[in-house]
């Protein structure tokens, strides 16, 4: 896997039986603490013995052992998230007790392992750092500029506003290729189009 951060494309779930206890992990992409809380509220099973969870959004993270011995559930779930370089993700691992005690090490392996297996099965996408930029384009350059932008598949036109003499566009561009995109647009239009960071 290349160095970088990744996010889930969609919700993923996985179940396994470990010493008669049933463990179900559900992982989802989340973009805010509130989204993580909503996901956990919607996917915890009130009929289960434990709903242990963890989430990470950038530098912010939280986890809960939900009644399991301290450090045996929430933290291993968070370690499964971090171990796969995932961001903007929440995972809940629900346990239905099967009558066999797993012990501290067994619980850590069961919660962390179920979360990790679920995350490995998930479809992931690489998170590419981007920035918003604005350009003003005369009508005579518009088709050319759009053609040049199309050569960069990771560029998105977020907004396009037509003016009397042309258009103003707000773009999302990968930070790593912003300078190359700016140069391409300036070259194509003899310096008439300047890529400027959006405020």
Protein backbone atom coordinates (compact mmCIF):
# COMPACT_ATOMS: atom_id res chain seq x y z
CA UNK A 1 0.00 0.00 0.00
CA UNK A 2 1.44 3.43 -0.84
CA UNK A 3 2.19 5.85 1.98
CA UNK A 4 -0.84 8.05 2.52
CA UNK A 5 -4.20 8.14 4.20
CA UNK A 6 -7.25 6.25 3.05
CA UNK A 7 -11.00 6.42 3.60
CA UNK A 8 -13.81 3.93 3.19
CA UNK A 9 -15.93 4.19 0.05
CA UNK A 10 -19.05 2.80 1.76
CA UNK A 11 -20.31 0.94 4.82
CA UNK A 12 -18.81 -2.51 5.33
CA UNK A 13 -19.73 -5.22 7.83
CA UNK A 14 -18.28 -8.55 8.91
CA UNK A 15 -19.29 -11.17 11.47
CA UNK A 16 -17.35 -13.93 13.13
CA UNK A 17 -17.88 -16.39 15.98
CA UNK A 18 -15.06 -16.52 18.52
CA UNK A 19 -15.43 -19.11 21.32
CA UNK A 20 -19.23 -19.08 21.00
CA UNK A 21 -19.50 -15.27 21.18
CA UNK A 22 -20.74 -13.56 18.03
CA UNK A 23 -18.82 -10.43 16.99
CA UNK A 24 -20.14 -8.12 14.28
CA UNK A 25 -18.11 -5.16 13.01
CA UNK A 26 -19.69 -2.36 11.00
CA UNK A 27 -17.40 0.32 9.57
CA UNK A 28 -18.49 3.51 7.81
CA UNK A 29 -17.04 6.68 6.30
CA UNK A 30 -17.75 9.72 8.50
CA UNK A 31 -16.78 13.37 8.02
CA UNK A 32 -17.57 14.89 11.43
CA UNK A 33 -17.85 13.97 15.10
CA UNK A 34 -21.63 14.32 14.82
CA UNK A 35 -21.71 11.96 11.82
CA UNK A 36 -19.68 9.43 13.86
CA UNK A 37 -22.09 9.73 16.82
CA UNK A 38 -25.10 9.33 14.50
CA UNK A 39 -23.55 6.24 12.87
CA UNK A 40 -22.82 4.65 16.27
CA UNK A 41 -26.35 5.41 17.52
CA UNK A 42 -27.87 3.84 14.39
CA UNK A 43 -25.68 0.71 14.33
CA UNK A 44 -25.34 -0.26 17.99
CA UNK A 45 -27.62 -3.18 18.90
CA UNK A 46 -29.46 -2.58 22.18
CA UNK A 47 -30.05 -6.34 22.49
CA UNK A 48 -26.34 -7.16 22.45
CA UNK A 49 -24.05 -7.46 25.47
CA UNK A 50 -21.55 -4.84 24.26
CA UNK A 51 -21.31 -2.24 21.48
CA UNK A 52 -17.65 -1.19 21.53
CA UNK A 53 -16.45 1.44 19.08
CA UNK A 54 -13.80 3.81 17.84
CA UNK A 55 -13.60 6.60 15.28
CA UNK A 56 -10.91 8.80 13.79
CA UNK A 57 -11.33 12.08 11.90
CA UNK A 58 -7.96 13.73 11.31
CA UNK A 59 -6.30 14.30 14.68
CA UNK A 60 -9.58 13.75 16.58
CA UNK A 61 -10.49 10.28 17.82
CA UNK A 62 -12.63 8.60 20.47
CA UNK A 63 -13.21 5.03 21.59
CA UNK A 64 -15.32 3.11 24.10
CA UNK A 65 -15.08 -0.31 25.78
CA UNK A 66 -18.84 -0.24 26.59
CA UNK A 67 -18.53 -2.31 29.76
CA UNK A 68 -15.73 -4.64 28.63
CA UNK A 69 -12.54 -4.49 30.76
CA UNK A 70 -10.66 -1.21 30.19
CA UNK A 71 -8.42 -1.25 27.13
CA UNK A 72 -9.73 -4.53 25.70
CA UNK A 73 -12.12 -3.26 23.02
CA UNK A 74 -12.20 0.42 22.01
CA UNK A 75 -8.44 0.89 21.85
CA UNK A 76 -7.83 -2.29 19.77
CA UNK A 77 -10.55 -1.10 17.35
CA UNK A 78 -8.81 2.30 17.05
CA UNK A 79 -5.49 0.49 16.50
CA UNK A 80 -7.13 -1.48 13.65
CA UNK A 81 -8.20 1.84 12.06
CA UNK A 82 -4.74 3.39 12.47
CA UNK A 83 -2.96 0.20 11.42
CA UNK A 84 -4.58 0.47 8.00
CA UNK A 85 -3.89 4.24 7.64
CA UNK A 86 -7.59 5.06 7.60
CA UNK A 87 -9.13 8.45 8.31
CA UNK A 88 -12.73 9.69 8.48
CA UNK A 89 -13.94 6.30 9.69
CA UNK A 90 -16.07 4.93 12.52
CA UNK A 91 -16.24 1.27 13.55
CA UNK A 92 -18.63 -0.40 16.00
CA UNK A 93 -17.99 -3.99 17.07
CA UNK A 94 -21.03 -5.58 18.68
CA UNK A 95 -20.67 -8.68 20.88
CA UNK A 96 -23.31 -11.21 21.80
CA UNK A 97 -21.83 -13.20 24.71
CA UNK A 98 -21.72 -16.94 24.07
CA UNK A 99 -20.94 -18.16 27.57
CA UNK A 100 -17.15 -18.56 27.25
CA UNK A 101 -14.91 -15.96 28.89
CA UNK A 102 -12.16 -14.81 26.53
CA UNK A 103 -9.81 -13.15 29.03
CA UNK A 104 -8.07 -9.82 28.45
CA UNK A 105 -5.82 -10.98 25.59
CA UNK A 106 -8.69 -12.85 23.95
CA UNK A 107 -10.93 -9.78 24.06
CA UNK A 108 -8.19 -7.55 22.57
CA UNK A 109 -7.67 -10.06 19.73
CA UNK A 110 -11.41 -10.55 19.18
CA UNK A 111 -12.35 -6.85 19.04
CA UNK A 112 -9.21 -5.66 17.24
CA UNK A 113 -9.21 -8.66 14.91
CA UNK A 114 -12.90 -8.35 13.96
CA UNK A 115 -12.47 -4.61 13.28
CA UNK A 116 -9.28 -5.20 11.25
CA UNK A 117 -10.87 -8.01 9.18
CA UNK A 118 -13.89 -5.78 8.43
CA UNK A 119 -11.64 -2.87 7.40
CA UNK A 120 -9.48 -5.15 5.21
CA UNK A 121 -12.64 -6.31 3.41
CA UNK A 122 -13.80 -2.73 2.83
CA UNK A 123 -13.42 -0.83 -0.41
CA UNK A 124 -11.02 2.07 0.23
CA UNK A 125 -9.99 5.22 -1.60
CA UNK A 126 -6.84 7.28 -1.14
CA UNK A 127 -7.31 10.67 0.49
CA UNK A 128 -5.42 13.21 -1.60
CA UNK A 129 -4.76 16.62 0.00
CA UNK A 130 -6.49 19.27 -2.11
CA UNK A 131 -6.92 23.02 -2.17
CA UNK A 132 -9.61 25.27 -3.60
CA UNK A 133 -8.53 27.73 -6.27
CA UNK A 134 -10.30 30.30 -8.42
CA UNK A 135 -9.75 31.28 -12.03
CA UNK A 136 -11.35 33.91 -14.27
CA UNK A 137 -11.58 32.89 -17.93
CA UNK A 138 -12.55 34.95 -20.97
CA UNK A 139 -15.12 33.33 -23.27
CA UNK A 140 -12.46 33.00 -26.01
CA UNK A 141 -10.33 30.83 -23.66
CA UNK A 142 -13.13 28.82 -22.02
CA UNK A 143 -13.11 25.72 -24.25
CA UNK A 144 -9.31 25.56 -24.18
CA UNK A 145 -9.16 25.93 -20.37
CA UNK A 146 -11.79 23.20 -19.87
CA UNK A 147 -9.85 20.89 -22.20
CA UNK A 148 -6.61 21.52 -20.26
CA UNK A 149 -8.38 20.91 -16.93
CA UNK A 150 -9.83 17.64 -18.27
CA UNK A 151 -6.25 16.39 -18.69
CA UNK A 152 -6.02 16.35 -14.87
CA UNK A 153 -8.60 13.74 -13.78
CA UNK A 154 -8.31 14.71 -10.10
CA UNK A 155 -9.37 18.35 -10.75
CA UNK A 156 -13.01 19.13 -10.03
CA UNK A 157 -14.92 22.24 -11.09
CA UNK A 158 -16.87 23.06 -7.94
CA UNK A 159 -18.63 26.18 -9.20
CA UNK A 160 -18.86 28.04 -12.48
CA UNK A 161 -20.35 31.55 -12.62
CA UNK A 162 -20.82 33.28 -15.96
CA UNK A 163 -19.86 36.96 -16.19
CA UNK A 164 -20.25 39.48 -19.04
CA UNK A 165 -16.86 38.67 -20.54
CA UNK A 166 -16.40 35.05 -19.50
CA UNK A 167 -16.64 32.81 -16.47
CA UNK A 168 -15.31 32.54 -12.97
CA UNK A 169 -14.58 29.01 -11.75
CA UNK A 170 -13.80 27.56 -8.37
CA UNK A 171 -11.73 24.38 -8.65
CA UNK A 172 -10.58 21.70 -6.24
CA UNK A 173 -7.05 20.70 -7.22
CA UNK A 174 -4.57 18.24 -5.67
CA UNK A 175 -1.97 20.19 -3.67
CA UNK A 176 0.83 18.15 -5.23
CA UNK A 177 -0.04 19.22 -8.79
CA UNK A 178 -1.35 22.76 -8.16
CA UNK A 179 1.84 24.40 -9.53
CA UNK A 180 1.77 22.21 -12.67
CA UNK A 181 -1.93 23.02 -13.27
CA UNK A 182 -1.28 26.77 -12.78
CA UNK A 183 1.59 26.64 -15.30
CA UNK A 184 -0.48 24.65 -17.83
CA UNK A 185 -3.34 27.18 -17.68
CA UNK A 186 -1.00 30.19 -17.89
CA UNK A 187 0.88 28.67 -20.87
CA UNK A 188 -2.33 27.75 -22.72
CA UNK A 189 -3.77 31.27 -22.37
CA UNK A 190 -0.57 33.35 -22.67
CA UNK A 191 -0.85 34.30 -19.00
CA UNK A 192 -4.50 35.42 -19.11
CA UNK A 193 -5.65 32.70 -16.68
CA UNK A 194 -4.04 32.74 -13.23
CA UNK A 195 -4.80 30.02 -10.67
CA UNK A 196 -5.32 31.80 -7.33
CA UNK A 197 -5.95 30.12 -3.97
CA UNK A 198 -9.57 30.56 -2.86
CA UNK A 199 -10.02 32.52 0.39
